[in-house]
Amino acid sequence: MDILTLHRRGIKQRAIARKLGISRNTVKKYIDNPDLAFKQPGLRHKKS
């Protein structure tokens, strides 16, 4: 389930953040700019 789908179902931003394990600011960012939701973020690897 993605952020925009949950938001359209009336779920509050704080509940979405908790459910997905991300910050409320991240949820707000994706709701305010839905085009971001369709971009695949790159994977970041720590150097050992």
C-alpha atoms as a PDB file:
ATOM      1  CA  MET A   1       0.000   0.000   0.000  1.00  0.00           C
ATOM      2  CA  ASP A   2       1.458   3.372  -0.912  1.00  0.00           C
ATOM      3  CA  ILE A   3       1.211   6.796   0.705  1.00  0.00           C
ATOM      4  CA  LEU A   4      -1.185   8.289  -1.822  1.00  0.00           C
ATOM      5  CA  THR A   5      -3.589   5.350  -1.654  1.00  0.00           C
ATOM      6  CA  LEU A   6      -3.705   5.510   2.134  1.00  0.00           C
ATOM      7  CA  HIS A   7      -4.194   9.277   2.011  1.00  0.00           C
ATOM      8  CA  ARG A   8      -7.071   8.939  -0.480  1.00  0.00           C
ATOM      9  CA  ARG A   9      -8.711   6.462   1.899  1.00  0.00           C
ATOM     10  CA  GLY A  10      -8.761   9.155   4.571  1.00  0.00           C
ATOM     11  CA  ILE A  11      -5.891   7.878   6.695  1.00  0.00           C
ATOM     12  CA  LYS A  12      -4.168  10.696   8.592  1.00  0.00           C
ATOM     13  CA  GLN A  13      -0.546  11.542   7.773  1.00  0.00           C
ATOM     14  CA  ARG A  14       0.675  10.531  11.222  1.00  0.00           C
ATOM     15  CA  ALA A  15      -1.002   7.107  10.909  1.00  0.00           C
ATOM     16  CA  ILE A  16       0.472   6.607   7.430  1.00  0.00           C
ATOM     17  CA  ALA A  17       3.942   7.428   8.745  1.00  0.00           C
ATOM     18  CA  ARG A  18       3.559   5.006  11.632  1.00  0.00           C
ATOM     19  CA  LYS A  19       2.224   2.220   9.392  1.00  0.00           C
ATOM     20  CA  LEU A  20       5.025   2.586   6.835  1.00  0.00           C
ATOM     21  CA  GLY A  21       7.814   3.308   9.308  1.00  0.00           C
ATOM     22  CA  ILE A  22       8.717   6.690   7.818  1.00  0.00           C
ATOM     23  CA  SER A  23       8.632  10.258   9.102  1.00  0.00           C
ATOM     24  CA  ARG A  24       5.525  12.412   8.932  1.00  0.00           C
ATOM     25  CA  ASN A  25       7.547  14.952   6.926  1.00  0.00           C
ATOM     26  CA  THR A  26       8.226  12.297   4.280  1.00  0.00           C
ATOM     27  CA  VAL A  27       4.520  11.487   4.079  1.00  0.00           C
ATOM     28  CA  LYS A  28       3.709  15.191   3.703  1.00  0.00           C
ATOM     29  CA  LYS A  29       6.356  15.554   0.980  1.00  0.00           C
ATOM     30  CA  TYR A  30       4.816  12.754  -1.100  1.00  0.00           C
ATOM     31  CA  ILE A  31       1.265  14.032  -0.586  1.00  0.00           C
ATOM     32  CA  ASP A  32       2.260  17.587  -1.540  1.00  0.00           C
ATOM     33  CA  ASN A  33       4.149  16.377  -4.630  1.00  0.00           C
ATOM     34  CA  PRO A  34       2.520  13.185  -5.967  1.00  0.00           C
ATOM     35  CA  ASP A  35       5.021  12.978  -8.858  1.00  0.00           C
ATOM     36  CA  LEU A  36       7.666  11.901  -6.333  1.00  0.00           C
ATOM     37  CA  ALA A  37       5.670   8.788  -5.537  1.00  0.00           C
ATOM     38  CA  PHE A  38       6.301   7.421  -9.030  1.00  0.00           C
ATOM     39  CA  LYS A  39      10.082   7.796  -8.909  1.00  0.00           C
ATOM     40  CA  GLN A  40      12.109   4.893  -7.609  1.00  0.00           C
ATOM     41  CA  PRO A  41      14.610   6.024  -4.999  1.00  0.00           C
ATOM     42  CA  GLY A  42      18.151   4.734  -5.411  1.00  0.00           C
ATOM     43  CA  LEU A  43      19.589   2.283  -2.944  1.00  0.00           C
ATOM     44  CA  ARG A  44      22.277   3.592  -0.653  1.00  0.00           C
ATOM     45  CA  HIS A  45      24.956   1.265   0.593  1.00  0.00           C
ATOM     46  CA  LYS A  46      27.230   1.951   3.525  1.00  0.00           C
ATOM     47  CA  LYS A  47      30.903   1.542   2.901  1.00  0.00           C
ATOM     48  CA  SER A  48      32.447  -0.900   5.320  1.00  0.00           C
END
